[in-house]
PDB file of N, CA and C in Angstrom:
ATOM      1  N   MET A   1     -18.464  22.882  -2.190  1.00  0.00           N
ATOM      2  CA  MET A   1     -16.450  23.511  -1.988  1.00  0.00           C
ATOM      3  C   MET A   1     -16.394  22.134  -2.651  1.00  0.00           C
ATOM      4  N   PRO A   2     -14.954  22.629  -3.854  1.00  0.00           N
ATOM      5  CA  PRO A   2     -14.000  22.372  -5.059  1.00  0.00           C
ATOM      6  C   PRO A   2     -13.360  20.971  -4.332  1.00  0.00           C
ATOM      7  N   ARG A   3     -13.432  19.955  -5.004  1.00  0.00           N
ATOM      8  CA  ARG A   3     -12.553  18.425  -4.572  1.00  0.00           C
ATOM      9  C   ARG A   3     -11.279  19.129  -4.514  1.00  0.00           C
ATOM     10  N   LYS A   4     -10.495  18.548  -4.361  1.00  0.00           N
ATOM     11  CA  LYS A   4      -8.852  18.368  -4.099  1.00  0.00           C
ATOM     12  C   LYS A   4      -8.309  17.666  -4.952  1.00  0.00           C
ATOM     13  N   THR A   5      -7.203  18.638  -5.581  1.00  0.00           N
ATOM     14  CA  THR A   5      -6.364  17.664  -6.485  1.00  0.00           C
ATOM     15  C   THR A   5      -5.557  16.456  -5.769  1.00  0.00           C
ATOM     16  N   ALA A   6      -5.425  15.847  -6.728  1.00  0.00           N
ATOM     17  CA  ALA A   6      -4.154  14.879  -6.237  1.00  0.00           C
ATOM     18  C   ALA A   6      -2.887  15.350  -5.549  1.00  0.00           C
ATOM     19  N   ALA A   7      -2.398  16.641  -6.275  1.00  0.00           N
ATOM     20  CA  ALA A   7      -1.061  16.839  -5.520  1.00  0.00           C
ATOM     21  C   ALA A   7      -1.751  17.344  -4.556  1.00  0.00           C
ATOM     22  N   GLN A   8      -2.238  18.124  -3.964  1.00  0.00           N
ATOM     23  CA  GLN A   8      -3.745  18.428  -2.684  1.00  0.00           C
ATOM     24  C   GLN A   8      -3.491  17.335  -2.212  1.00  0.00           C
ATOM     25  N   ARG A   9      -4.180  16.183  -2.161  1.00  0.00           N
ATOM     26  CA  ARG A   9      -4.071  15.465  -1.629  1.00  0.00           C
ATOM     27  C   ARG A   9      -2.539  14.650  -1.031  1.00  0.00           C
ATOM     28  N   ARG A  10      -1.623  14.711  -1.830  1.00  0.00           N
ATOM     29  CA  ARG A  10      -0.274  13.839  -1.705  1.00  0.00           C
ATOM     30  C   ARG A  10       0.531  15.079  -0.709  1.00  0.00           C
ATOM     31  N   ALA A  11       0.217  16.314  -1.538  1.00  0.00           N
ATOM     32  CA  ALA A  11       0.598  17.608   0.089  1.00  0.00           C
ATOM     33  C   ALA A  11       0.157  17.231   1.288  1.00  0.00           C
ATOM     34  N   GLU A  12      -0.903  16.665   1.335  1.00  0.00           N
ATOM     35  CA  GLU A  12      -1.469  17.119   2.857  1.00  0.00           C
ATOM     36  C   GLU A  12      -1.577  15.063   3.478  1.00  0.00           C
ATOM     37  N   HIS A  13      -1.212  14.781   2.403  1.00  0.00           N
ATOM     38  CA  HIS A  13      -0.606  13.325   2.697  1.00  0.00           C
ATOM     39  C   HIS A  13       0.944  13.094   3.545  1.00  0.00           C
ATOM     40  N   GLU A  14       1.511  13.971   2.818  1.00  0.00           N
ATOM     41  CA  GLU A  14       2.808  14.249   3.502  1.00  0.00           C
ATOM     42  C   GLU A  14       2.995  15.409   4.409  1.00  0.00           C
ATOM     43  N   GLN A  15       1.965  15.927   4.725  1.00  0.00           N
ATOM     44  CA  GLN A  15       2.348  16.493   6.247  1.00  0.00           C
ATOM     45  C   GLN A  15       1.844  16.265   7.256  1.00  0.00           C
ATOM     46  N   GLN A  16       0.584  15.326   7.225  1.00  0.00           N
ATOM     47  CA  GLN A  16       0.158  14.681   8.071  1.00  0.00           C
ATOM     48  C   GLN A  16       1.207  13.342   8.723  1.00  0.00           C
ATOM     49  N   ARG A  17       2.197  13.093   7.380  1.00  0.00           N
ATOM     50  CA  ARG A  17       3.203  11.857   7.939  1.00  0.00           C
ATOM     51  C   ARG A  17       5.017  12.437   8.809  1.00  0.00           C
ATOM     52  N   ARG A  18       4.694  13.999   8.585  1.00  0.00           N
ATOM     53  CA  ARG A  18       5.902  14.697   8.982  1.00  0.00           C
ATOM     54  C   ARG A  18       5.592  15.111  10.112  1.00  0.00           C
ATOM     55  N   ASP A  19       4.078  15.744  11.095  1.00  0.00           N
ATOM     56  CA  ASP A  19       3.451  15.264  12.106  1.00  0.00           C
ATOM     57  C   ASP A  19       3.650  14.317  12.300  1.00  0.00           C
ATOM     58  N   ARG A  20       3.027  13.650  11.971  1.00  0.00           N
ATOM     59  CA  ARG A  20       3.426  12.134  12.675  1.00  0.00           C
ATOM     60  C   ARG A  20       4.680  11.416  13.409  1.00  0.00           C
ATOM     61  N   ASP A  21       5.266  12.066  12.070  1.00  0.00           N
ATOM     62  CA  ASP A  21       6.318  11.901  12.639  1.00  0.00           C
ATOM     63  C   ASP A  21       8.130  12.507  13.735  1.00  0.00           C
ATOM     64  N   LEU A  22       7.015  13.686  13.595  1.00  0.00           N
ATOM     65  CA  LEU A  22       7.611  15.157  14.559  1.00  0.00           C
ATOM     66  C   LEU A  22       7.518  14.205  16.213  1.00  0.00           C
ATOM     67  N   GLU A  23       5.651  14.241  16.490  1.00  0.00           N
ATOM     68  CA  GLU A  23       5.379  13.299  17.826  1.00  0.00           C
ATOM     69  C   GLU A  23       6.172  12.390  18.176  1.00  0.00           C
ATOM     70  N   MET A  24       5.955  11.648  16.854  1.00  0.00           N
ATOM     71  CA  MET A  24       7.227  10.012  17.418  1.00  0.00           C
ATOM     72  C   MET A  24       8.179  10.085  18.228  1.00  0.00           C
ATOM     73  N   MET A  25       9.286  10.838  17.661  1.00  0.00           N
ATOM     74  CA  MET A  25      10.613  11.375  17.196  1.00  0.00           C
ATOM     75  C   MET A  25      10.646  12.415  18.995  1.00  0.00           C
ATOM     76  N   ARG A  26       9.722  12.850  19.073  1.00  0.00           N
ATOM     77  CA  ARG A  26       9.202  13.838  20.638  1.00  0.00           C
ATOM     78  C   ARG A  26       9.052  13.133  21.970  1.00  0.00           C
ATOM     79  N   SER A  27       8.528  12.023  21.328  1.00  0.00           N
ATOM     80  CA  SER A  27       8.280  11.296  22.723  1.00  0.00           C
ATOM     81  C   SER A  27       8.873   9.284  22.384  1.00  0.00           C
ATOM     82  N   ASP A  28      10.405  10.213  23.647  1.00  0.00           N
ATOM     83  CA  ASP A  28      10.733   8.395  23.425  1.00  0.00           C
ATOM     84  C   ASP A  28      10.000   7.178  23.893  1.00  0.00           C
ATOM     85  N   LYS A  29       9.598   7.791  24.619  1.00  0.00           N
ATOM     86  CA  LYS A  29       8.914   7.054  25.631  1.00  0.00           C
ATOM     87  C   LYS A  29       8.265   5.376  24.862  1.00  0.00           C
ATOM     88  N   ASN A  30       7.756   6.121  23.296  1.00  0.00           N
ATOM     89  CA  ASN A  30       6.783   5.363  22.778  1.00  0.00           C
ATOM     90  C   ASN A  30       7.684   4.631  21.334  1.00  0.00           C
ATOM     91  N   TRP A  31       8.572   4.942  21.603  1.00  0.00           N
ATOM     92  CA  TRP A  31       9.741   4.718  20.778  1.00  0.00           C
ATOM     93  C   TRP A  31       9.330   2.994  20.976  1.00  0.00           C
ATOM     94  N   PRO A  32       9.068   2.140  19.647  1.00  0.00           N
ATOM     95  CA  PRO A  32       9.271   0.421  19.961  1.00  0.00           C
ATOM     96  C   PRO A  32      10.711   0.033  20.336  1.00  0.00           C
ATOM     97  N   MET A  33      11.783   0.118  19.891  1.00  0.00           N
ATOM     98  CA  MET A  33      12.881   0.229  19.703  1.00  0.00           C
ATOM     99  C   MET A  33      13.798   0.842  21.133  1.00  0.00           C
ATOM    100  N   TRP A  34      12.945   1.589  21.832  1.00  0.00           N
ATOM    101  CA  TRP A  34      14.163   2.559  22.922  1.00  0.00           C
ATOM    102  C   TRP A  34      15.185   1.801  23.155  1.00  0.00           C
ATOM    103  N   PRO A  35      16.349   2.181  23.560  1.00  0.00           N
ATOM    104  CA  PRO A  35      16.835   3.803  23.278  1.00  0.00           C
ATOM    105  C   PRO A  35      16.825   4.597  22.053  1.00  0.00           C
ATOM    106  N   ILE A  36      16.143   3.362  21.046  1.00  0.00           N
ATOM    107  CA  ILE A  36      16.647   4.029  19.805  1.00  0.00           C
ATOM    108  C   ILE A  36      15.582   3.520  18.815  1.00  0.00           C
ATOM    109  N   LEU A  37      15.363   5.097  17.864  1.00  0.00           N
ATOM    110  CA  LEU A  37      14.397   5.039  17.282  1.00  0.00           C
ATOM    111  C   LEU A  37      14.875   5.168  15.680  1.00  0.00           C
ATOM    112  N   PRO A  38      14.780   3.758  14.509  1.00  0.00           N
ATOM    113  CA  PRO A  38      15.034   4.033  13.298  1.00  0.00           C
ATOM    114  C   PRO A  38      14.219   4.699  12.313  1.00  0.00           C
ATOM    115  N   LEU A  39      15.712   5.809  11.617  1.00  0.00           N
ATOM    116  CA  LEU A  39      14.822   6.835  11.042  1.00  0.00           C
ATOM    117  C   LEU A  39      15.476   6.211   9.025  1.00  0.00           C
ATOM    118  N   LYS A  40      14.876   6.285   8.043  1.00  0.00           N
ATOM    119  CA  LYS A  40      15.186   6.098   7.242  1.00  0.00           C
ATOM    120  C   LYS A  40      14.453   7.247   6.279  1.00  0.00           C
ATOM    121  N   LYS A  41      16.198   7.533   4.769  1.00  0.00           N
ATOM    122  CA  LYS A  41      15.535   8.473   3.978  1.00  0.00           C
ATOM    123  C   LYS A  41      15.904   7.921   2.167  1.00  0.00           C
ATOM    124  N   TRP A  42      15.516   8.574   1.658  1.00  0.00           N
ATOM    125  CA  TRP A  42      15.679   8.243   0.305  1.00  0.00           C
ATOM    126  C   TRP A  42      16.749   8.493   0.250  1.00  0.00           C
ATOM    127  N   ASN A  43      17.642   7.994  -0.424  1.00  0.00           N
ATOM    128  CA  ASN A  43      18.996   8.729  -1.866  1.00  0.00           C
ATOM    129  C   ASN A  43      18.730   8.554  -3.215  1.00  0.00           C
ATOM    130  N   ARG A  44      18.716   9.407  -3.935  1.00  0.00           N
ATOM    131  CA  ARG A  44      18.208   9.680  -4.662  1.00  0.00           C
ATOM    132  C   ARG A  44      19.213   8.923  -5.954  1.00  0.00           C
ATOM    133  N   GLU A  45      21.174   9.498  -5.660  1.00  0.00           N
ATOM    134  CA  GLU A  45      21.721   9.223  -6.113  1.00  0.00           C
ATOM    135  C   GLU A  45      22.055   8.083  -6.224  1.00  0.00           C
ATOM    136  N   LYS A  46      22.128   6.974  -5.006  1.00  0.00           N
ATOM    137  CA  LYS A  46      22.073   5.322  -4.761  1.00  0.00           C
ATOM    138  C   LYS A  46      21.272   4.321  -5.188  1.00  0.00           C
ATOM    139  N   HIS A  47      20.043   5.715  -5.013  1.00  0.00           N
ATOM    140  CA  HIS A  47      18.561   4.824  -5.339  1.00  0.00           C
ATOM    141  C   HIS A  47      18.435   3.468  -4.575  1.00  0.00           C
ATOM    142  N   SER A  48      18.757   4.101  -3.464  1.00  0.00           N
ATOM    143  CA  SER A  48      17.957   3.293  -2.068  1.00  0.00           C
ATOM    144  C   SER A  48      18.000   4.504  -0.672  1.00  0.00           C
ATOM    145  N   PHE A  49      17.821   3.618   0.403  1.00  0.00           N
ATOM    146  CA  PHE A  49      17.557   4.557   1.831  1.00  0.00           C
ATOM    147  C   PHE A  49      18.645   4.979   1.883  1.00  0.00           C
ATOM    148  N   ASP A  50      19.160   5.829   3.503  1.00  0.00           N
ATOM    149  CA  ASP A  50      20.315   5.476   3.968  1.00  0.00           C
ATOM    150  C   ASP A  50      19.342   5.210   5.388  1.00  0.00           C
ATOM    151  N   CYS A  51      20.135   4.494   6.214  1.00  0.00           N
ATOM    152  CA  CYS A  51      19.443   4.392   7.340  1.00  0.00           C
ATOM    153  C   CYS A  51      19.868   4.958   8.490  1.00  0.00           C
ATOM    154  N   GLY A  52      19.295   6.053   9.914  1.00  0.00           N
ATOM    155  CA  GLY A  52      19.604   6.615  10.984  1.00  0.00           C
ATOM    156  C   GLY A  52      18.996   5.617  11.644  1.00  0.00           C
ATOM    157  N   TYR A  53      18.703   6.905  12.794  1.00  0.00           N
ATOM    158  CA  TYR A  53      18.288   6.256  14.265  1.00  0.00           C
ATOM    159  C   TYR A  53      18.234   7.459  15.266  1.00  0.00           C
ATOM    160  N   LEU A  54      17.665   7.533  16.156  1.00  0.00           N
ATOM    161  CA  LEU A  54      17.854   8.585  17.114  1.00  0.00           C
ATOM    162  C   LEU A  54      18.354   7.661  18.322  1.00  0.00           C
ATOM    163  N   GLU A  55      18.929   8.128  19.415  1.00  0.00           N
ATOM    164  CA  GLU A  55      19.184   7.529  20.635  1.00  0.00           C
ATOM    165  C   GLU A  55      19.142   8.344  21.775  1.00  0.00           C
ATOM    166  N   PHE A  56      18.334   7.818  22.428  1.00  0.00           N
ATOM    167  CA  PHE A  56      18.632   8.590  24.020  1.00  0.00           C
ATOM    168  C   PHE A  56      19.419   8.457  24.662  1.00  0.00           C
ATOM    169  N   LEU A  57      21.090   9.514  24.870  1.00  0.00           N
ATOM    170  CA  LEU A  57      21.741   8.811  25.376  1.00  0.00           C
ATOM    171  C   LEU A  57      21.501   9.905  26.872  1.00  0.00           C
ATOM    172  N   ALA A  58      22.102   9.786  27.706  1.00  0.00           N
ATOM    173  CA  ALA A  58      22.177  10.791  28.886  1.00  0.00           C
ATOM    174  C   ALA A  58      21.164  11.753  29.279  1.00  0.00           C
ATOM    175  N   GLY A  59      20.379  11.514  28.520  1.00  0.00           N
ATOM    176  CA  GLY A  59      18.538  12.433  28.961  1.00  0.00           C
ATOM    177  C   GLY A  59      18.413  13.147  27.813  1.00  0.00           C
ATOM    178  N   SER A  60      19.188  12.890  26.517  1.00  0.00           N
ATOM    179  CA  SER A  60      19.149  13.326  25.765  1.00  0.00           C
ATOM    180  C   SER A  60      18.951  12.891  24.320  1.00  0.00           C
ATOM    181  N   VAL A  61      18.734  13.132  23.350  1.00  0.00           N
ATOM    182  CA  VAL A  61      18.009  12.661  21.633  1.00  0.00           C
ATOM    183  C   VAL A  61      19.615  12.950  21.680  1.00  0.00           C
ATOM    184  N   VAL A  62      19.892  11.957  20.224  1.00  0.00           N
ATOM    185  CA  VAL A  62      20.822  12.378  19.488  1.00  0.00           C
ATOM    186  C   VAL A  62      20.942  12.068  18.286  1.00  0.00           C
ATOM    187  N   PHE A  63      21.213  12.172  17.204  1.00  0.00           N
ATOM    188  CA  PHE A  63      21.179  11.348  16.090  1.00  0.00           C
ATOM    189  C   PHE A  63      22.087  10.823  14.981  1.00  0.00           C
ATOM    190  N   LYS A  64      22.167  10.247  14.683  1.00  0.00           N
ATOM    191  CA  LYS A  64      23.027   8.964  14.169  1.00  0.00           C
ATOM    192  C   LYS A  64      22.739   8.771  12.461  1.00  0.00           C
ATOM    193  N   ALA A  65      22.884   9.079  11.424  1.00  0.00           N
ATOM    194  CA  ALA A  65      23.297   8.405  10.011  1.00  0.00           C
ATOM    195  C   ALA A  65      23.633   7.151  10.379  1.00  0.00           C
ATOM    196  N   ASN A  66      23.492   5.847   9.414  1.00  0.00           N
ATOM    197  CA  ASN A  66      24.446   4.536   9.160  1.00  0.00           C
ATOM    198  C   ASN A  66      23.890   4.800   7.515  1.00  0.00           C
ATOM    199  N   LEU A  67      25.541   5.402   6.780  1.00  0.00           N
ATOM    200  CA  LEU A  67      24.779   5.318   5.508  1.00  0.00           C
ATOM    201  C   LEU A  67      25.466   3.967   5.116  1.00  0.00           C
ATOM    202  N   HIS A  68      24.468   2.909   4.610  1.00  0.00           N
ATOM    203  CA  HIS A  68      24.803   1.606   3.471  1.00  0.00           C
ATOM    204  C   HIS A  68      25.743   1.821   2.563  1.00  0.00           C
ATOM    205  N   THR A  69      26.501   1.272   1.812  1.00  0.00           N
ATOM    206  CA  THR A  69      27.211   1.453   0.410  1.00  0.00           C
ATOM    207  C   THR A  69      27.180   0.368   0.242  1.00  0.00           C
ATOM    208  N   ALA A  70      27.769  -0.015  -0.866  1.00  0.00           N
ATOM    209  CA  ALA A  70      28.097  -1.770  -1.736  1.00  0.00           C
ATOM    210  C   ALA A  70      28.338  -2.297  -0.671  1.00  0.00           C
ATOM    211  N   ARG A  71      30.288  -2.180   0.030  1.00  0.00           N
ATOM    212  CA  ARG A  71      30.888  -2.750   0.741  1.00  0.00           C
ATOM    213  C   ARG A  71      31.322  -2.592   2.366  1.00  0.00           C
ATOM    214  N   GLU A  72      30.334  -1.064   2.291  1.00  0.00           N
ATOM    215  CA  GLU A  72      30.732  -0.686   3.620  1.00  0.00           C
ATOM    216  C   GLU A  72      30.024  -0.582   4.334  1.00  0.00           C
ATOM    217  N   ILE A  73      29.901  -0.201   5.683  1.00  0.00           N
ATOM    218  CA  ILE A  73      28.671   0.846   6.393  1.00  0.00           C
ATOM    219  C   ILE A  73      30.357   1.499   6.994  1.00  0.00           C
ATOM    220  N   GLU A  74      28.976   2.940   6.738  1.00  0.00           N
ATOM    221  CA  GLU A  74      29.790   3.782   7.420  1.00  0.00           C
ATOM    222  C   GLU A  74      28.851   4.278   8.323  1.00  0.00           C
ATOM    223  N   THR A  75      29.646   5.533   9.475  1.00  0.00           N
ATOM    224  CA  THR A  75      28.357   5.869  10.938  1.00  0.00           C
ATOM    225  C   THR A  75      28.763   7.083  10.496  1.00  0.00           C
ATOM    226  N   GLU A  76      27.812   7.882  10.839  1.00  0.00           N
ATOM    227  CA  GLU A  76      27.935   9.536  10.605  1.00  0.00           C
ATOM    228  C   GLU A  76      27.303  10.672  11.728  1.00  0.00           C
ATOM    229  N   LYS A  77      27.811  10.634  12.249  1.00  0.00           N
ATOM    230  CA  LYS A  77      26.984  11.833  13.467  1.00  0.00           C
ATOM    231  C   LYS A  77      26.880  13.455  12.039  1.00  0.00           C
ATOM    232  N   LEU A  78      25.422  13.385  11.833  1.00  0.00           N
ATOM    233  CA  LEU A  78      24.983  14.371  11.188  1.00  0.00           C
ATOM    234  C   LEU A  78      24.091  15.702  12.235  1.00  0.00           C
ATOM    235  N   LYS A  79      24.676  16.667  11.914  1.00  0.00           N
ATOM    236  CA  LYS A  79      24.142  17.671  13.209  1.00  0.00           C
ATOM    237  C   LYS A  79      22.993  18.192  12.560  1.00  0.00           C
ATOM    238  N   TYR A  80      21.810  18.134  13.329  1.00  0.00           N
ATOM    239  CA  TYR A  80      20.536  19.058  12.821  1.00  0.00           C
ATOM    240  C   TYR A  80      20.500  19.912  13.978  1.00  0.00           C
ATOM    241  N   ALA A  81      19.892  20.820  13.603  1.00  0.00           N
ATOM    242  CA  ALA A  81      19.507  22.665  14.943  1.00  0.00           C
ATOM    243  C   ALA A  81      18.264  21.840  15.662  1.00  0.00           C
ATOM    244  N   SER A  82      17.659  20.910  14.630  1.00  0.00           N
ATOM    245  CA  SER A  82      15.925  20.364  15.681  1.00  0.00           C
ATOM    246  C   SER A  82      15.798  19.427  14.915  1.00  0.00           C
ATOM    247  N   LEU A  83      14.261  18.698  15.455  1.00  0.00           N
ATOM    248  CA  LEU A  83      13.995  17.699  15.254  1.00  0.00           C
ATOM    249  C   LEU A  83      13.293  17.879  13.736  1.00  0.00           C
ATOM    250  N   GLU A  84      12.769  19.133  13.686  1.00  0.00           N
ATOM    251  CA  GLU A  84      12.250  19.595  11.916  1.00  0.00           C
ATOM    252  C   GLU A  84      13.081  19.826  11.367  1.00  0.00           C
ATOM    253  N   ALA A  85      14.160  20.238  11.753  1.00  0.00           N
ATOM    254  CA  ALA A  85      15.061  20.113  10.698  1.00  0.00           C
ATOM    255  C   ALA A  85      15.774  18.402   9.817  1.00  0.00           C
ATOM    256  N   ILE A  86      15.717  17.510  10.741  1.00  0.00           N
ATOM    257  CA  ILE A  86      16.214  16.453  10.458  1.00  0.00           C
ATOM    258  C   ILE A  86      14.921  16.089   9.482  1.00  0.00           C
ATOM    259  N   ILE A  87      13.407  16.023  10.183  1.00  0.00           N
ATOM    260  CA  ILE A  87      12.406  15.852   8.615  1.00  0.00           C
ATOM    261  C   ILE A  87      12.392  16.860   7.670  1.00  0.00           C
ATOM    262  N   ALA A  88      13.175  18.359   8.131  1.00  0.00           N
ATOM    263  CA  ALA A  88      12.906  18.320   6.799  1.00  0.00           C
ATOM    264  C   ALA A  88      14.146  18.159   5.615  1.00  0.00           C
ATOM    265  N   ASP A  89      14.148  17.811   5.680  1.00  0.00           N
ATOM    266  CA  ASP A  89      16.055  16.777   5.312  1.00  0.00           C
ATOM    267  C   ASP A  89      15.427  15.516   4.607  1.00  0.00           C
ATOM    268  N   GLY A  90      14.680  14.909   5.193  1.00  0.00           N
ATOM    269  CA  GLY A  90      13.419  13.899   4.445  1.00  0.00           C
ATOM    270  C   GLY A  90      13.892  13.103   5.234  1.00  0.00           C
ATOM    271  N   TRP A  91      14.197  12.912   6.501  1.00  0.00           N
ATOM    272  CA  TRP A  91      14.326  11.652   7.193  1.00  0.00           C
ATOM    273  C   TRP A  91      13.015  11.240   7.651  1.00  0.00           C
ATOM    274  N   THR A  92      12.822  10.130   8.291  1.00  0.00           N
ATOM    275  CA  THR A  92      11.158   9.731   8.446  1.00  0.00           C
ATOM    276  C   THR A  92      11.395   8.319   9.463  1.00  0.00           C
ATOM    277  N   VAL A  93      10.070   8.229  10.078  1.00  0.00           N
ATOM    278  CA  VAL A  93      10.703   7.732  10.938  1.00  0.00           C
ATOM    279  C   VAL A  93       9.989   5.694  10.231  1.00  0.00           C
ATOM    280  N   ASP A  94      10.741   5.529  10.431  1.00  0.00           N
ATOM    281  CA  ASP A  94      10.475   3.834   9.700  1.00  0.00           C
ATOM    282  C   ASP A  94      10.000   2.357  10.432  1.00  0.00           C
TER     283      ASP A  94
END
């Protein structure tokens, strides 16, 4: 069996991380800070992380993002069709 390239190992690692994050998002009973689950996303333009969270509200999970700037914090409700879409947009469990 040929050895995996660095790119293949990196892609495999990223897929494993996405799978773990998705499982954590789906299992609110395992959230360490229930009723919220902190998330982060690398923002290339700002060279920093955006912060967001999933919140368990009234029996359902809601996604919110706190986008930090140098002088203020904006709270934005970003809408995603699914937890998979949140992960596909680059959000990870923090």
